[in-house]
Amino acid sequence: MKKIFAFIFILNFVAFNLFAQDAQNILEKAASKVQSAKGINVSFILTQKDKLGHTLGSSKGILKIKGTKYYVNQDGSEIYCNGAQIWNYDGQGEVTVAKAEYDDDEFSPQQIITGFNNKDFTATLIASGSAIYQIQLVPVDKRKNIKQIILFINKANNLITKAVVTDKPGNITEISFGNASFNVVIPDSQFVFDASKHPGVEVVNQ
């Protein structure tokens, strides 16, 4: 009986490692798809739900990516990042400026579509349908507020089409991507907040 249990454990261990390896390969392909693109323009819908599944609100936006640079417009609020600095403009009278840093306790459309930082998560392939992979990401650091992230990846083009982020209290954020265009020509000025085009806006340096 002990030998049977040991054999089952070995099979499960091997299967888990194969699924983990498959997940890493899929994520690498998704990241490579984004990194190799000259410029990306994609729309998204973000929906927030409580732990009971009740919708708390939703918003629409667009995302532009060029290497490490990105721009987000979400219901009038804008984020500009040129790779070194990040500007958060509330769409009204204030913009905060800070050093561009990655924080996996936070998440953004840009982080999601590039598959996050694989070193900060344990990735497991949990489903492989006819058209979509589903990959579960669990933070390595259990102190993080994120409980898990489920990524949906299109098999045909290696593009992350949806992410479902669950925090420790059970609240859920879903973000779906659509109308993706690759190799779009995007000027570098798109990723820098231009104060001259926003007269009267207060600039707050953090």
Protein backbone atom coordinates (compact mmCIF):
# COMPACT_ATOMS: atom_id res chain seq x y z
CA MET A 1 0.00 0.00 0.00
CA LYS A 2 2.85 2.40 0.85
CA LYS A 3 4.38 1.71 -2.56
CA ILE A 4 1.07 2.59 -4.26
CA PHE A 5 0.82 5.88 -2.34
CA ALA A 6 4.45 6.64 -3.16
CA PHE A 7 3.83 5.92 -6.86
CA ILE A 8 0.74 8.17 -6.89
CA PHE A 9 2.72 10.93 -5.18
CA ILE A 10 5.50 10.66 -7.77
CA LEU A 11 2.96 10.83 -10.62
CA ASN A 12 1.33 13.91 -9.11
CA PHE A 13 4.71 15.55 -8.55
CA VAL A 14 5.79 14.89 -12.15
CA ALA A 15 2.44 16.10 -13.52
CA PHE A 16 2.62 19.30 -11.42
CA ASN A 17 6.12 20.07 -12.66
CA LEU A 18 5.10 19.43 -16.27
CA PHE A 19 2.11 21.79 -15.89
CA ALA A 20 4.38 24.39 -14.25
CA GLN A 21 6.90 24.08 -17.09
CA ASP A 22 4.14 24.32 -19.70
CA ALA A 23 2.81 27.43 -17.95
CA GLN A 24 6.22 29.10 -17.99
CA ASN A 25 6.66 28.32 -21.70
CA ILE A 26 3.24 29.77 -22.52
CA LEU A 27 3.92 32.92 -20.46
CA GLU A 28 7.29 33.38 -22.15
CA LYS A 29 5.63 33.21 -25.57
CA ALA A 30 3.01 35.77 -24.46
CA ALA A 31 5.72 38.11 -23.13
CA SER A 32 7.78 37.66 -26.30
CA LYS A 33 4.74 38.54 -28.41
CA VAL A 34 4.48 41.88 -26.63
CA GLN A 35 8.21 42.59 -26.41
CA SER A 36 8.82 41.93 -30.10
CA ALA A 37 6.03 44.25 -31.24
CA LYS A 38 7.02 47.66 -32.57
CA GLY A 39 4.05 49.23 -30.80
CA ILE A 40 0.80 47.91 -29.33
CA ASN A 41 -2.63 49.50 -29.12
CA VAL A 42 -5.37 47.57 -27.28
CA SER A 43 -8.70 48.35 -25.62
CA PHE A 44 -9.80 46.92 -22.28
CA ILE A 45 -12.78 46.62 -19.95
CA LEU A 46 -12.16 46.46 -16.20
CA THR A 47 -14.86 45.11 -13.87
CA GLN A 48 -14.71 44.96 -10.09
CA LYS A 49 -16.75 42.49 -8.02
CA ASP A 50 -17.10 41.74 -4.33
CA LYS A 51 -16.47 38.30 -2.84
CA LEU A 52 -20.09 37.34 -3.50
CA GLY A 53 -19.74 38.08 -7.19
CA HIS A 54 -21.77 41.29 -7.15
CA THR A 55 -20.53 43.86 -9.66
CA LEU A 56 -19.31 47.03 -7.95
CA GLY A 57 -18.40 48.95 -11.08
CA SER A 58 -16.76 48.82 -14.47
CA SER A 59 -14.71 51.07 -16.70
CA LYS A 60 -13.30 51.10 -20.22
CA GLY A 61 -9.94 52.21 -21.48
CA ILE A 62 -7.14 51.99 -24.01
CA LEU A 63 -3.56 50.85 -23.55
CA LYS A 64 -0.52 51.69 -25.68
CA ILE A 65 2.81 49.90 -25.22
CA LYS A 66 6.22 50.49 -26.77
CA GLY A 67 8.99 48.49 -25.10
CA THR A 68 9.08 49.53 -21.43
CA LYS A 69 6.94 52.60 -22.16
CA TYR A 70 3.16 52.59 -21.80
CA TYR A 71 0.12 54.87 -21.76
CA VAL A 72 -3.28 54.14 -20.21
CA ASN A 73 -6.48 56.14 -20.59
CA GLN A 74 -9.21 54.81 -18.30
CA ASP A 75 -12.43 56.78 -18.25
CA GLY A 76 -10.57 60.07 -18.58
CA SER A 77 -7.81 59.34 -16.07
CA GLU A 78 -4.43 58.88 -17.71
CA ILE A 79 -1.14 57.18 -16.87
CA TYR A 80 2.02 58.03 -18.78
CA CYS A 81 5.23 56.03 -18.36
CA ASN A 82 8.41 56.60 -20.36
CA GLY A 83 10.26 53.78 -18.61
CA ALA A 84 11.92 56.08 -16.07
CA GLN A 85 9.07 58.23 -14.76
CA ILE A 86 5.36 57.73 -14.37
CA TRP A 87 2.68 60.43 -14.44
CA ASN A 88 -0.77 59.76 -12.95
CA TYR A 89 -3.23 62.37 -14.22
CA ASP A 90 -6.67 62.38 -12.61
CA GLY A 91 -8.24 64.01 -15.67
CA GLN A 92 -9.09 67.12 -13.72
CA GLY A 93 -6.59 69.31 -11.93
CA GLU A 94 -3.70 67.23 -10.61
CA VAL A 95 -0.92 64.98 -11.90
CA THR A 96 1.48 63.09 -9.63
CA VAL A 97 4.99 62.30 -10.84
CA ALA A 98 7.07 59.43 -9.46
CA LYS A 99 9.88 57.08 -10.38
CA ALA A 100 8.65 54.15 -12.47
CA GLU A 101 8.80 51.06 -10.27
CA TYR A 102 7.22 47.63 -10.42
CA ASP A 103 5.04 46.54 -7.52
CA ASP A 104 3.28 43.16 -7.76
CA ASP A 105 0.93 44.16 -4.93
CA GLU A 106 -0.53 46.51 -7.52
CA PHE A 107 -1.46 45.64 -11.07
CA SER A 108 -2.10 47.49 -14.28
CA PRO A 109 -3.27 46.58 -17.79
CA GLN A 110 0.34 46.85 -18.91
CA GLN A 111 1.55 44.39 -16.26
CA ILE A 112 -1.23 41.95 -17.07
CA ILE A 113 -0.81 41.90 -20.84
CA THR A 114 2.92 41.20 -20.46
CA GLY A 115 2.25 38.29 -18.07
CA PHE A 116 3.57 39.97 -14.91
CA ASN A 117 7.02 39.24 -13.49
CA ASN A 118 7.31 35.45 -13.57
CA LYS A 119 9.85 35.41 -10.74
CA ASP A 120 7.28 36.78 -8.31
CA PHE A 121 4.66 34.11 -9.02
CA THR A 122 4.29 30.34 -9.18
CA ALA A 123 2.62 29.58 -12.51
CA THR A 124 0.49 26.50 -13.18
CA LEU A 125 -1.42 25.49 -16.30
CA ILE A 126 -4.92 24.67 -15.00
CA ALA A 127 -6.88 24.33 -18.26
CA SER A 128 -6.18 23.95 -21.95
CA GLY A 129 -9.29 24.19 -24.10
CA SER A 130 -9.52 24.21 -27.86
CA ALA A 131 -8.66 27.91 -28.12
CA ILE A 132 -7.61 29.21 -24.68
CA TYR A 133 -5.00 28.38 -22.06
CA GLN A 134 -5.78 29.17 -18.42
CA ILE A 135 -2.80 29.78 -16.17
CA GLN A 136 -2.94 30.32 -12.42
CA LEU A 137 -0.41 32.68 -10.84
CA VAL A 138 0.11 32.55 -7.08
CA PRO A 139 2.47 35.05 -5.37
CA VAL A 140 5.65 33.51 -4.00
CA ASP A 141 5.56 36.05 -1.17
CA LYS A 142 2.45 35.09 0.83
CA ARG A 143 2.36 38.54 2.45
CA LYS A 144 1.12 40.04 -0.82
CA ASN A 145 -2.50 41.15 -0.95
CA ILE A 146 -3.14 39.20 -4.17
CA LYS A 147 -4.37 35.65 -3.59
CA GLN A 148 -4.24 34.49 -7.20
CA ILE A 149 -4.45 35.59 -10.83
CA ILE A 150 -6.00 33.53 -13.62
CA LEU A 151 -4.71 34.46 -17.07
CA PHE A 152 -6.57 33.51 -20.25
CA ILE A 153 -4.21 33.22 -23.23
CA ASN A 154 -5.27 32.81 -26.86
CA LYS A 155 -3.52 29.78 -28.36
CA ALA A 156 -3.57 31.20 -31.88
CA ASN A 157 -1.73 34.47 -31.21
CA ASN A 158 -0.22 34.01 -27.72
CA LEU A 159 -2.05 37.11 -26.49
CA ILE A 160 -3.43 37.44 -22.95
CA THR A 161 -7.11 38.16 -23.52
CA LYS A 162 -8.38 38.26 -19.92
CA ALA A 163 -7.19 38.21 -16.33
CA VAL A 164 -9.16 37.51 -13.16
CA VAL A 165 -7.40 38.88 -10.07
CA THR A 166 -8.58 37.75 -6.62
CA ASP A 167 -7.31 39.46 -3.48
CA LYS A 168 -7.11 37.85 -0.05
CA PRO A 169 -10.52 39.13 1.14
CA GLY A 170 -12.05 37.54 -1.99
CA ASN A 171 -12.72 40.65 -4.05
CA ILE A 172 -12.32 40.15 -7.79
CA THR A 173 -11.07 42.37 -10.59
CA GLU A 174 -11.60 41.18 -14.15
CA ILE A 175 -9.89 42.83 -17.09
CA SER A 176 -10.60 41.83 -20.68
CA PHE A 177 -8.60 42.94 -23.72
CA GLY A 178 -9.83 43.42 -27.28
CA ASN A 179 -9.10 45.10 -30.63
CA ALA A 180 -5.37 44.53 -30.28
CA SER A 181 -3.12 46.02 -32.97
CA PHE A 182 0.59 45.21 -33.14
CA ASN A 183 3.45 47.07 -34.84
CA VAL A 184 1.64 50.38 -34.47
CA VAL A 185 3.84 53.48 -34.85
CA ILE A 186 3.63 55.38 -31.55
CA PRO A 187 5.68 58.55 -30.95
CA ASP A 188 7.69 58.73 -27.71
CA SER A 189 5.80 61.89 -26.79
CA GLN A 190 2.74 59.68 -26.15
CA PHE A 191 4.41 58.37 -23.00
CA VAL A 192 5.26 61.71 -21.39
CA PHE A 193 2.78 64.04 -19.70
CA ASP A 194 2.91 67.40 -21.47
CA ALA A 195 2.11 70.11 -18.90
CA SER A 196 1.83 72.74 -21.66
CA LYS A 197 -1.22 70.92 -23.01
CA HIS A 198 -2.85 70.92 -19.56
CA PRO A 199 -2.72 74.52 -18.33
CA GLY A 200 -3.58 74.99 -14.68
CA VAL A 201 -2.90 71.37 -13.70
CA GLU A 202 -1.03 71.04 -10.39
CA VAL A 203 2.10 68.88 -10.66
CA VAL A 204 2.86 66.90 -7.49
CA ASN A 205 6.28 65.22 -7.27
CA GLN A 206 6.43 62.11 -5.09
